[in-house]
N, C-alpha and C. Protein backbone atom coordinates (compact mmCIF):
# COMPACT_ATOMS: atom_id res chain seq x y z
N MET A 1 -14.15 2.06 15.89
CA MET A 1 -13.56 0.96 16.63
C MET A 1 -14.25 -0.34 16.21
N LEU A 2 -13.46 -1.39 16.07
CA LEU A 2 -14.00 -2.68 15.68
C LEU A 2 -13.99 -3.61 16.89
N ASN A 3 -15.04 -4.42 17.01
CA ASN A 3 -15.15 -5.32 18.16
C ASN A 3 -14.21 -6.51 18.08
N LYS A 4 -13.94 -6.98 16.87
CA LYS A 4 -13.10 -8.16 16.71
C LYS A 4 -11.65 -7.79 16.98
N GLU A 5 -11.04 -8.46 17.92
CA GLU A 5 -9.63 -8.20 18.26
C GLU A 5 -8.81 -9.45 18.04
N PRO A 6 -7.66 -9.40 17.46
CA PRO A 6 -7.22 -8.25 16.66
C PRO A 6 -7.88 -8.28 15.28
N PHE A 7 -7.99 -7.11 14.67
CA PHE A 7 -8.53 -6.99 13.32
C PHE A 7 -7.46 -6.32 12.47
N ARG A 8 -7.06 -7.01 11.42
CA ARG A 8 -5.97 -6.49 10.58
C ARG A 8 -6.46 -6.29 9.15
N ILE A 9 -6.14 -5.11 8.62
CA ILE A 9 -6.50 -4.76 7.25
C ILE A 9 -5.21 -4.57 6.47
N ALA A 10 -5.11 -5.21 5.32
CA ALA A 10 -3.95 -5.06 4.43
C ALA A 10 -4.42 -4.35 3.16
N ILE A 11 -3.72 -3.26 2.81
CA ILE A 11 -4.08 -2.48 1.62
C ILE A 11 -2.87 -2.39 0.71
N SER A 12 -3.04 -2.82 -0.53
CA SER A 12 -1.97 -2.78 -1.52
C SER A 12 -2.43 -2.08 -2.78
N GLY A 13 -1.47 -1.75 -3.62
CA GLY A 13 -1.72 -1.12 -4.90
C GLY A 13 -0.42 -0.52 -5.39
N ARG A 14 -0.40 -0.16 -6.63
CA ARG A 14 0.82 0.43 -7.18
C ARG A 14 0.95 1.89 -6.76
N SER A 15 2.11 2.45 -7.02
CA SER A 15 2.39 3.84 -6.68
C SER A 15 1.34 4.76 -7.30
N GLY A 16 0.80 5.67 -6.48
CA GLY A 16 -0.17 6.63 -6.96
C GLY A 16 -1.62 6.17 -6.86
N CYS A 17 -1.86 4.96 -6.35
CA CYS A 17 -3.23 4.46 -6.20
C CYS A 17 -3.89 4.96 -4.92
N GLY A 18 -3.09 5.43 -3.98
CA GLY A 18 -3.64 5.97 -2.74
C GLY A 18 -3.43 5.12 -1.51
N ASN A 19 -2.57 4.10 -1.59
CA ASN A 19 -2.33 3.20 -0.45
C ASN A 19 -2.04 3.95 0.84
N SER A 20 -1.04 4.80 0.81
CA SER A 20 -0.59 5.49 2.03
C SER A 20 -1.67 6.42 2.57
N THR A 21 -2.24 7.22 1.70
CA THR A 21 -3.26 8.18 2.13
C THR A 21 -4.49 7.48 2.68
N VAL A 22 -4.97 6.49 1.96
CA VAL A 22 -6.17 5.76 2.39
C VAL A 22 -5.90 4.99 3.68
N SER A 23 -4.74 4.39 3.79
CA SER A 23 -4.39 3.65 5.01
C SER A 23 -4.39 4.57 6.22
N THR A 24 -3.86 5.78 6.05
CA THR A 24 -3.82 6.76 7.14
C THR A 24 -5.23 7.15 7.56
N ILE A 25 -6.07 7.49 6.60
CA ILE A 25 -7.45 7.89 6.89
C ILE A 25 -8.18 6.75 7.59
N LEU A 26 -8.05 5.55 7.07
CA LEU A 26 -8.75 4.39 7.62
C LEU A 26 -8.29 4.08 9.05
N SER A 27 -7.00 4.17 9.29
CA SER A 27 -6.50 3.88 10.65
C SER A 27 -7.06 4.88 11.65
N GLU A 28 -7.20 6.14 11.23
CA GLU A 28 -7.77 7.16 12.11
C GLU A 28 -9.25 6.90 12.35
N ARG A 29 -9.99 6.60 11.30
CA ARG A 29 -11.44 6.37 11.43
C ARG A 29 -11.76 5.16 12.31
N LEU A 30 -10.97 4.10 12.15
CA LEU A 30 -11.24 2.86 12.88
C LEU A 30 -10.42 2.73 14.16
N GLU A 31 -9.60 3.74 14.42
CA GLU A 31 -8.74 3.75 15.61
C GLU A 31 -7.86 2.50 15.67
N LEU A 32 -7.24 2.20 14.53
CA LEU A 32 -6.31 1.08 14.42
C LEU A 32 -4.90 1.63 14.19
N LYS A 33 -3.91 0.88 14.62
CA LYS A 33 -2.52 1.29 14.42
C LYS A 33 -2.21 1.30 12.92
N LEU A 34 -1.54 2.35 12.46
CA LEU A 34 -1.11 2.44 11.07
C LEU A 34 0.29 1.87 10.94
N VAL A 35 0.46 0.95 10.01
CA VAL A 35 1.78 0.42 9.67
C VAL A 35 2.02 0.76 8.21
N ASN A 36 2.92 1.69 7.95
CA ASN A 36 3.17 2.14 6.58
C ASN A 36 4.59 2.66 6.46
N TYR A 37 5.55 1.85 6.81
CA TYR A 37 6.96 2.22 6.68
C TYR A 37 7.44 1.75 5.32
N THR A 38 7.80 2.69 4.46
CA THR A 38 8.10 2.39 3.06
C THR A 38 9.50 2.83 2.67
N PHE A 39 9.84 2.62 1.42
CA PHE A 39 11.12 3.09 0.90
C PHE A 39 11.25 4.60 1.04
N HIS A 40 10.12 5.32 0.94
CA HIS A 40 10.17 6.77 1.14
C HIS A 40 10.68 7.10 2.54
N ASN A 41 10.21 6.35 3.54
CA ASN A 41 10.65 6.57 4.92
C ASN A 41 12.12 6.25 5.10
N ILE A 42 12.57 5.14 4.52
CA ILE A 42 13.98 4.77 4.62
C ILE A 42 14.85 5.84 3.98
N ALA A 43 14.45 6.30 2.78
CA ALA A 43 15.22 7.32 2.08
C ALA A 43 15.33 8.58 2.94
N GLU A 44 14.23 8.98 3.54
CA GLU A 44 14.23 10.17 4.39
C GLU A 44 15.07 9.94 5.65
N ASP A 45 14.88 8.81 6.31
CA ASP A 45 15.61 8.50 7.54
C ASP A 45 17.12 8.45 7.32
N ARG A 46 17.53 7.95 6.16
CA ARG A 46 18.96 7.75 5.90
C ARG A 46 19.54 8.79 4.95
N ALA A 47 18.74 9.81 4.62
CA ALA A 47 19.17 10.90 3.73
C ALA A 47 19.71 10.35 2.40
N ILE A 48 18.94 9.42 1.82
CA ILE A 48 19.28 8.84 0.53
C ILE A 48 18.21 9.29 -0.46
N ASP A 49 18.61 9.62 -1.68
CA ASP A 49 17.64 9.96 -2.72
C ASP A 49 16.73 8.75 -2.95
N PHE A 50 15.42 9.00 -3.03
CA PHE A 50 14.45 7.92 -3.17
C PHE A 50 14.73 7.04 -4.39
N ASN A 51 14.95 7.67 -5.56
CA ASN A 51 15.19 6.89 -6.77
C ASN A 51 16.49 6.09 -6.67
N GLU A 52 17.48 6.67 -5.99
CA GLU A 52 18.74 5.97 -5.77
C GLU A 52 18.51 4.73 -4.89
N LEU A 53 17.70 4.89 -3.86
CA LEU A 53 17.37 3.76 -2.98
C LEU A 53 16.66 2.66 -3.77
N CYS A 54 15.74 3.04 -4.64
CA CYS A 54 15.03 2.06 -5.46
C CYS A 54 16.01 1.29 -6.35
N GLU A 55 16.99 2.00 -6.90
CA GLU A 55 18.01 1.34 -7.72
C GLU A 55 18.86 0.39 -6.88
N MET A 56 19.20 0.82 -5.66
CA MET A 56 19.97 -0.03 -4.75
C MET A 56 19.18 -1.29 -4.41
N ALA A 57 17.88 -1.13 -4.21
CA ALA A 57 17.03 -2.27 -3.85
C ALA A 57 16.94 -3.30 -4.97
N GLU A 58 17.15 -2.86 -6.21
CA GLU A 58 17.11 -3.78 -7.33
C GLU A 58 18.24 -4.80 -7.27
N VAL A 59 19.38 -4.39 -6.70
CA VAL A 59 20.55 -5.28 -6.65
C VAL A 59 20.82 -5.84 -5.26
N ASP A 60 20.22 -5.25 -4.24
CA ASP A 60 20.45 -5.69 -2.86
C ASP A 60 19.11 -5.94 -2.17
N PRO A 61 18.73 -7.20 -2.00
CA PRO A 61 17.42 -7.51 -1.44
C PRO A 61 17.24 -7.14 0.03
N GLN A 62 18.33 -6.76 0.70
CA GLN A 62 18.20 -6.42 2.13
C GLN A 62 17.16 -5.33 2.36
N TRP A 63 17.03 -4.39 1.43
CA TRP A 63 16.10 -3.27 1.60
C TRP A 63 14.66 -3.77 1.63
N ASP A 64 14.31 -4.63 0.68
CA ASP A 64 12.96 -5.19 0.65
C ASP A 64 12.69 -6.05 1.87
N TYR A 65 13.62 -6.93 2.18
CA TYR A 65 13.43 -7.81 3.34
C TYR A 65 13.26 -6.99 4.62
N PHE A 66 14.06 -5.95 4.76
CA PHE A 66 13.98 -5.10 5.95
C PHE A 66 12.59 -4.48 6.09
N VAL A 67 12.12 -3.86 5.03
CA VAL A 67 10.81 -3.21 5.05
C VAL A 67 9.69 -4.23 5.28
N ASP A 68 9.69 -5.29 4.50
CA ASP A 68 8.59 -6.25 4.54
C ASP A 68 8.52 -7.00 5.87
N GLU A 69 9.65 -7.45 6.37
CA GLU A 69 9.66 -8.18 7.65
C GLU A 69 9.21 -7.28 8.80
N ASN A 70 9.69 -6.04 8.81
CA ASN A 70 9.32 -5.13 9.89
C ASN A 70 7.86 -4.74 9.82
N GLN A 71 7.34 -4.55 8.62
CA GLN A 71 5.93 -4.20 8.50
C GLN A 71 5.03 -5.32 9.02
N VAL A 72 5.33 -6.54 8.64
CA VAL A 72 4.51 -7.67 9.10
C VAL A 72 4.62 -7.81 10.61
N LYS A 73 5.82 -7.68 11.13
CA LYS A 73 6.02 -7.78 12.58
C LYS A 73 5.19 -6.72 13.31
N LEU A 74 5.23 -5.48 12.84
CA LEU A 74 4.45 -4.41 13.46
C LEU A 74 2.95 -4.66 13.35
N ALA A 75 2.51 -5.12 12.19
CA ALA A 75 1.08 -5.38 11.98
C ALA A 75 0.58 -6.51 12.87
N MET A 76 1.42 -7.47 13.16
CA MET A 76 1.02 -8.62 13.97
C MET A 76 0.93 -8.31 15.46
N GLU A 77 1.39 -7.13 15.86
CA GLU A 77 1.35 -6.77 17.29
C GLU A 77 -0.07 -6.52 17.79
N GLY A 78 -1.02 -6.33 16.91
CA GLY A 78 -2.39 -6.08 17.32
C GLY A 78 -3.22 -5.64 16.14
N SER A 79 -4.36 -5.04 16.40
CA SER A 79 -5.21 -4.54 15.33
C SER A 79 -4.46 -3.45 14.57
N SER A 80 -4.54 -3.50 13.24
CA SER A 80 -3.74 -2.55 12.46
C SER A 80 -4.25 -2.43 11.03
N VAL A 81 -3.76 -1.38 10.38
CA VAL A 81 -3.93 -1.19 8.95
C VAL A 81 -2.53 -1.18 8.37
N LEU A 82 -2.22 -2.16 7.53
CA LEU A 82 -0.92 -2.24 6.87
C LEU A 82 -1.10 -1.80 5.44
N GLY A 83 -0.45 -0.70 5.08
CA GLY A 83 -0.52 -0.20 3.72
C GLY A 83 0.84 -0.31 3.07
N SER A 84 0.96 -1.19 2.07
CA SER A 84 2.23 -1.32 1.34
C SER A 84 1.96 -2.03 0.02
N ARG A 85 2.92 -1.95 -0.88
CA ARG A 85 2.77 -2.59 -2.19
C ARG A 85 2.45 -4.08 -2.05
N LEU A 86 3.05 -4.74 -1.04
CA LEU A 86 2.90 -6.19 -0.89
C LEU A 86 2.05 -6.60 0.30
N ALA A 87 1.36 -5.68 0.92
CA ALA A 87 0.62 -5.97 2.15
C ALA A 87 -0.30 -7.18 2.03
N ILE A 88 -1.06 -7.27 0.94
CA ILE A 88 -2.04 -8.36 0.84
C ILE A 88 -1.36 -9.72 0.63
N TRP A 89 -0.13 -9.71 0.16
CA TRP A 89 0.61 -10.96 -0.01
C TRP A 89 1.39 -11.31 1.26
N MET A 90 1.89 -10.31 1.96
CA MET A 90 2.76 -10.54 3.11
C MET A 90 1.98 -10.79 4.41
N LEU A 91 0.87 -10.09 4.59
CA LEU A 91 0.07 -10.26 5.80
C LEU A 91 -1.02 -11.30 5.50
N LYS A 92 -0.58 -12.54 5.48
CA LYS A 92 -1.42 -13.64 5.02
C LYS A 92 -2.70 -13.82 5.85
N ASN A 93 -2.65 -13.47 7.12
CA ASN A 93 -3.82 -13.66 7.98
C ASN A 93 -4.63 -12.39 8.17
N ALA A 94 -4.49 -11.43 7.27
CA ALA A 94 -5.29 -10.21 7.36
C ALA A 94 -6.77 -10.56 7.28
N ASP A 95 -7.56 -9.86 8.08
CA ASP A 95 -9.01 -10.08 8.07
C ASP A 95 -9.66 -9.50 6.82
N LEU A 96 -9.05 -8.45 6.28
CA LEU A 96 -9.57 -7.80 5.08
C LEU A 96 -8.38 -7.42 4.20
N LYS A 97 -8.37 -7.96 2.97
CA LYS A 97 -7.30 -7.66 2.01
C LYS A 97 -7.90 -6.82 0.89
N VAL A 98 -7.29 -5.64 0.69
CA VAL A 98 -7.81 -4.67 -0.28
C VAL A 98 -6.73 -4.34 -1.30
N PHE A 99 -7.09 -4.33 -2.58
CA PHE A 99 -6.17 -3.92 -3.63
C PHE A 99 -6.76 -2.70 -4.33
N LEU A 100 -5.98 -1.63 -4.41
CA LEU A 100 -6.40 -0.40 -5.07
C LEU A 100 -5.80 -0.33 -6.47
N THR A 101 -6.61 0.08 -7.43
CA THR A 101 -6.14 0.25 -8.80
C THR A 101 -6.42 1.68 -9.26
N ALA A 102 -5.74 2.07 -10.31
CA ALA A 102 -5.98 3.35 -10.99
C ALA A 102 -5.25 3.29 -12.32
N SER A 103 -5.70 4.07 -13.27
CA SER A 103 -5.06 4.10 -14.58
C SER A 103 -3.65 4.70 -14.44
N PRO A 104 -2.77 4.40 -15.39
CA PRO A 104 -1.43 5.00 -15.35
C PRO A 104 -1.47 6.53 -15.34
N GLU A 105 -2.43 7.11 -16.08
CA GLU A 105 -2.54 8.57 -16.13
C GLU A 105 -2.94 9.14 -14.77
N THR A 106 -3.90 8.52 -14.13
CA THR A 106 -4.34 8.98 -12.81
C THR A 106 -3.20 8.88 -11.82
N ARG A 107 -2.52 7.75 -11.83
CA ARG A 107 -1.42 7.53 -10.88
C ARG A 107 -0.30 8.54 -11.09
N ALA A 108 0.10 8.74 -12.34
CA ALA A 108 1.16 9.71 -12.63
C ALA A 108 0.72 11.11 -12.25
N GLY A 109 -0.55 11.43 -12.47
CA GLY A 109 -1.08 12.74 -12.09
C GLY A 109 -1.02 12.97 -10.59
N ARG A 110 -1.34 11.96 -9.83
CA ARG A 110 -1.27 12.09 -8.36
C ARG A 110 0.17 12.25 -7.89
N ILE A 111 1.07 11.49 -8.49
CA ILE A 111 2.49 11.60 -8.12
C ILE A 111 3.02 12.97 -8.51
N TYR A 112 2.62 13.45 -9.69
CA TYR A 112 3.02 14.79 -10.15
C TYR A 112 2.52 15.86 -9.18
N LYS A 113 1.27 15.73 -8.75
CA LYS A 113 0.69 16.69 -7.82
C LYS A 113 1.42 16.67 -6.47
N ARG A 114 1.81 15.48 -6.03
CA ARG A 114 2.48 15.31 -4.74
C ARG A 114 3.94 15.75 -4.79
N GLU A 115 4.63 15.40 -5.89
CA GLU A 115 6.08 15.59 -5.94
C GLU A 115 6.55 16.64 -6.93
N GLY A 116 5.64 17.12 -7.79
CA GLY A 116 6.03 18.13 -8.77
C GLY A 116 6.75 17.51 -9.95
N GLY A 117 7.50 18.35 -10.66
CA GLY A 117 8.22 17.88 -11.84
C GLY A 117 7.42 18.11 -13.10
N VAL A 118 7.64 17.26 -14.07
CA VAL A 118 6.97 17.33 -15.37
C VAL A 118 6.07 16.09 -15.49
N PHE A 119 4.81 16.31 -15.84
CA PHE A 119 3.85 15.20 -15.88
C PHE A 119 4.33 14.05 -16.76
N GLU A 120 4.80 14.37 -17.96
CA GLU A 120 5.24 13.33 -18.89
C GLU A 120 6.37 12.50 -18.28
N GLN A 121 7.26 13.18 -17.56
CA GLN A 121 8.36 12.47 -16.90
C GLN A 121 7.82 11.55 -15.79
N ARG A 122 6.80 12.02 -15.09
CA ARG A 122 6.18 11.20 -14.04
C ARG A 122 5.54 9.95 -14.65
N MET A 123 4.97 10.09 -15.84
CA MET A 123 4.39 8.93 -16.54
C MET A 123 5.48 7.89 -16.82
N VAL A 124 6.60 8.36 -17.35
CA VAL A 124 7.71 7.46 -17.68
C VAL A 124 8.26 6.81 -16.42
N GLU A 125 8.48 7.61 -15.37
CA GLU A 125 9.03 7.09 -14.11
C GLU A 125 8.09 6.08 -13.46
N THR A 126 6.80 6.36 -13.51
CA THR A 126 5.82 5.46 -12.90
C THR A 126 5.80 4.12 -13.62
N ALA A 127 5.82 4.14 -14.94
CA ALA A 127 5.85 2.89 -15.71
C ALA A 127 7.13 2.12 -15.43
N ALA A 128 8.25 2.83 -15.37
CA ALA A 128 9.53 2.17 -15.09
C ALA A 128 9.54 1.57 -13.69
N ARG A 129 8.99 2.29 -12.74
CA ARG A 129 8.93 1.77 -11.37
C ARG A 129 8.05 0.53 -11.30
N ASP A 130 6.92 0.55 -12.00
CA ASP A 130 6.05 -0.63 -12.04
C ASP A 130 6.82 -1.85 -12.54
N ASP A 131 7.56 -1.66 -13.63
CA ASP A 131 8.32 -2.77 -14.22
C ASP A 131 9.39 -3.27 -13.25
N ARG A 132 10.11 -2.35 -12.62
CA ARG A 132 11.16 -2.73 -11.66
C ARG A 132 10.57 -3.46 -10.47
N ASP A 133 9.49 -2.90 -9.92
CA ASP A 133 8.85 -3.52 -8.76
C ASP A 133 8.36 -4.93 -9.09
N HIS A 134 7.70 -5.06 -10.24
CA HIS A 134 7.15 -6.36 -10.64
C HIS A 134 8.27 -7.41 -10.72
N ALA A 135 9.35 -7.06 -11.38
CA ALA A 135 10.48 -8.00 -11.52
C ALA A 135 11.10 -8.32 -10.16
N ARG A 136 11.23 -7.31 -9.31
CA ARG A 136 11.85 -7.51 -7.99
C ARG A 136 10.98 -8.41 -7.11
N TYR A 137 9.68 -8.17 -7.07
CA TYR A 137 8.79 -8.98 -6.24
C TYR A 137 8.77 -10.43 -6.71
N LYS A 138 8.82 -10.62 -8.02
CA LYS A 138 8.84 -11.97 -8.58
C LYS A 138 10.13 -12.68 -8.18
N LYS A 139 11.24 -11.97 -8.28
CA LYS A 139 12.54 -12.55 -7.96
C LYS A 139 12.68 -12.84 -6.47
N LEU A 140 12.29 -11.90 -5.62
CA LEU A 140 12.49 -12.04 -4.18
C LEU A 140 11.51 -12.99 -3.52
N TYR A 141 10.24 -12.91 -3.92
CA TYR A 141 9.19 -13.64 -3.21
C TYR A 141 8.34 -14.56 -4.10
N ASP A 142 8.64 -14.57 -5.39
CA ASP A 142 7.82 -15.29 -6.36
C ASP A 142 6.37 -14.80 -6.31
N ILE A 143 6.23 -13.48 -6.15
CA ILE A 143 4.92 -12.84 -6.14
C ILE A 143 4.68 -12.15 -7.48
N ASN A 144 3.53 -12.44 -8.08
CA ASN A 144 3.10 -11.75 -9.28
C ASN A 144 2.11 -10.68 -8.83
N ASN A 145 2.57 -9.43 -8.78
CA ASN A 145 1.69 -8.38 -8.25
C ASN A 145 0.61 -7.94 -9.25
N ASP A 146 0.51 -8.64 -10.38
CA ASP A 146 -0.62 -8.45 -11.28
C ASP A 146 -1.75 -9.41 -10.92
N ASP A 147 -1.47 -10.37 -10.04
CA ASP A 147 -2.47 -11.36 -9.63
C ASP A 147 -2.95 -11.04 -8.21
N TYR A 148 -4.03 -10.29 -8.14
CA TYR A 148 -4.59 -9.90 -6.85
C TYR A 148 -6.04 -10.39 -6.73
N ALA A 149 -6.37 -11.42 -7.49
CA ALA A 149 -7.74 -11.95 -7.51
C ALA A 149 -8.18 -12.46 -6.14
N PHE A 150 -7.24 -12.81 -5.28
CA PHE A 150 -7.58 -13.32 -3.95
C PHE A 150 -7.96 -12.22 -2.97
N ALA A 151 -7.78 -10.96 -3.36
CA ALA A 151 -8.14 -9.84 -2.47
C ALA A 151 -9.64 -9.88 -2.19
N ASP A 152 -10.00 -9.49 -0.98
CA ASP A 152 -11.41 -9.45 -0.61
C ASP A 152 -12.15 -8.31 -1.31
N LEU A 153 -11.40 -7.25 -1.61
CA LEU A 153 -12.00 -6.05 -2.16
C LEU A 153 -11.00 -5.41 -3.13
N VAL A 154 -11.43 -5.13 -4.35
CA VAL A 154 -10.61 -4.43 -5.34
C VAL A 154 -11.35 -3.15 -5.69
N ILE A 155 -10.66 -2.01 -5.54
CA ILE A 155 -11.31 -0.72 -5.76
C ILE A 155 -10.54 0.07 -6.82
N ASN A 156 -11.24 0.46 -7.89
CA ASN A 156 -10.67 1.36 -8.88
C ASN A 156 -10.81 2.77 -8.33
N THR A 157 -9.70 3.44 -8.08
CA THR A 157 -9.71 4.76 -7.43
C THR A 157 -9.70 5.92 -8.41
N ASP A 158 -9.81 5.64 -9.70
CA ASP A 158 -9.75 6.71 -10.71
C ASP A 158 -10.72 7.85 -10.44
N ARG A 159 -11.96 7.53 -10.12
CA ARG A 159 -12.99 8.57 -9.98
C ARG A 159 -13.45 8.77 -8.54
N LEU A 160 -12.65 8.28 -7.60
CA LEU A 160 -12.98 8.42 -6.18
C LEU A 160 -11.87 9.18 -5.48
N ASN A 161 -12.25 10.00 -4.50
CA ASN A 161 -11.20 10.64 -3.71
C ASN A 161 -10.82 9.72 -2.55
N GLN A 162 -9.78 10.10 -1.84
CA GLN A 162 -9.26 9.23 -0.78
C GLN A 162 -10.27 8.96 0.33
N HIS A 163 -11.13 9.92 0.62
CA HIS A 163 -12.14 9.74 1.67
C HIS A 163 -13.23 8.76 1.23
N GLN A 164 -13.59 8.81 -0.04
CA GLN A 164 -14.58 7.86 -0.56
C GLN A 164 -14.02 6.44 -0.54
N VAL A 165 -12.76 6.29 -0.95
CA VAL A 165 -12.13 4.97 -0.94
C VAL A 165 -12.05 4.44 0.49
N ALA A 166 -11.62 5.29 1.41
CA ALA A 166 -11.55 4.88 2.82
C ALA A 166 -12.93 4.49 3.34
N GLY A 167 -13.96 5.20 2.91
CA GLY A 167 -15.32 4.89 3.33
C GLY A 167 -15.78 3.51 2.87
N ILE A 168 -15.44 3.15 1.66
CA ILE A 168 -15.79 1.83 1.13
C ILE A 168 -15.11 0.74 1.97
N ILE A 169 -13.83 0.93 2.24
CA ILE A 169 -13.08 -0.06 3.02
C ILE A 169 -13.60 -0.11 4.45
N GLU A 170 -13.89 1.05 5.01
CA GLU A 170 -14.43 1.11 6.38
C GLU A 170 -15.74 0.32 6.48
N ALA A 171 -16.62 0.51 5.50
CA ALA A 171 -17.90 -0.21 5.52
C ALA A 171 -17.68 -1.72 5.45
N ALA A 172 -16.75 -2.14 4.61
CA ALA A 172 -16.45 -3.57 4.50
C ALA A 172 -15.87 -4.11 5.81
N ALA A 173 -14.96 -3.36 6.41
CA ALA A 173 -14.34 -3.79 7.67
C ALA A 173 -15.38 -3.91 8.78
N ARG A 174 -16.26 -2.92 8.86
CA ARG A 174 -17.30 -2.95 9.89
C ARG A 174 -18.24 -4.14 9.67
N ALA A 175 -18.59 -4.39 8.42
CA ALA A 175 -19.47 -5.53 8.12
C ALA A 175 -18.80 -6.85 8.49
N MET A 176 -17.53 -6.98 8.16
CA MET A 176 -16.81 -8.22 8.46
C MET A 176 -16.62 -8.41 9.96
N ALA A 177 -16.50 -7.31 10.70
CA ALA A 177 -16.30 -7.39 12.15
C ALA A 177 -17.63 -7.43 12.90
N GLY A 178 -18.73 -7.31 12.15
CA GLY A 178 -20.04 -7.35 12.79
C GLY A 178 -20.37 -6.10 13.58
N VAL A 179 -19.89 -4.95 13.08
CA VAL A 179 -20.10 -3.67 13.76
C VAL A 179 -20.96 -2.79 12.87
N SER A 180 -21.93 -2.10 13.46
CA SER A 180 -22.76 -1.18 12.68
C SER A 180 -21.97 0.09 12.39
N GLU A 181 -22.52 0.91 11.52
CA GLU A 181 -21.87 2.18 11.15
C GLU A 181 -21.62 3.03 12.38
N ALA A 182 -20.54 3.82 12.30
CA ALA A 182 -20.17 4.71 13.42
C ALA A 182 -21.15 5.84 13.56
């Protein structure tokens, strides 16, 4: 638990960097509300194929606006952990902005482990998704998601597991909130 109220953490990174997993762990450890409603959730809720939804989002900005506006609204309701591709750009008043990185091979490997398929195909799909996302964010919000230098914390997750990454962020959050270790 953090003493500073409200305390908001924004965590971003590309697919396979661990945003969702780390955000979940961190919200549990710090007893903060988790905000992580993504295209995966929309696809599941509306019984739409995820890749099909991503293609639809390329031509219809309503999907991005819907997700992004709702995530910020939910995060602003109180102390929270917002985990999304654009969290550090969208939640401008976050107390702690974190960007997660990983090599393309690590990211594709994690996606392969989570979703199955063929590793080489996951590499191709991950690179294609990066390109699509980058172009879409630039077009919709004039955001260059390669420019995350303003983040308070940048973590390369290649050689760290999700609990180690969450631990680093937790320590930073506690330090910023003036709270000693749990």
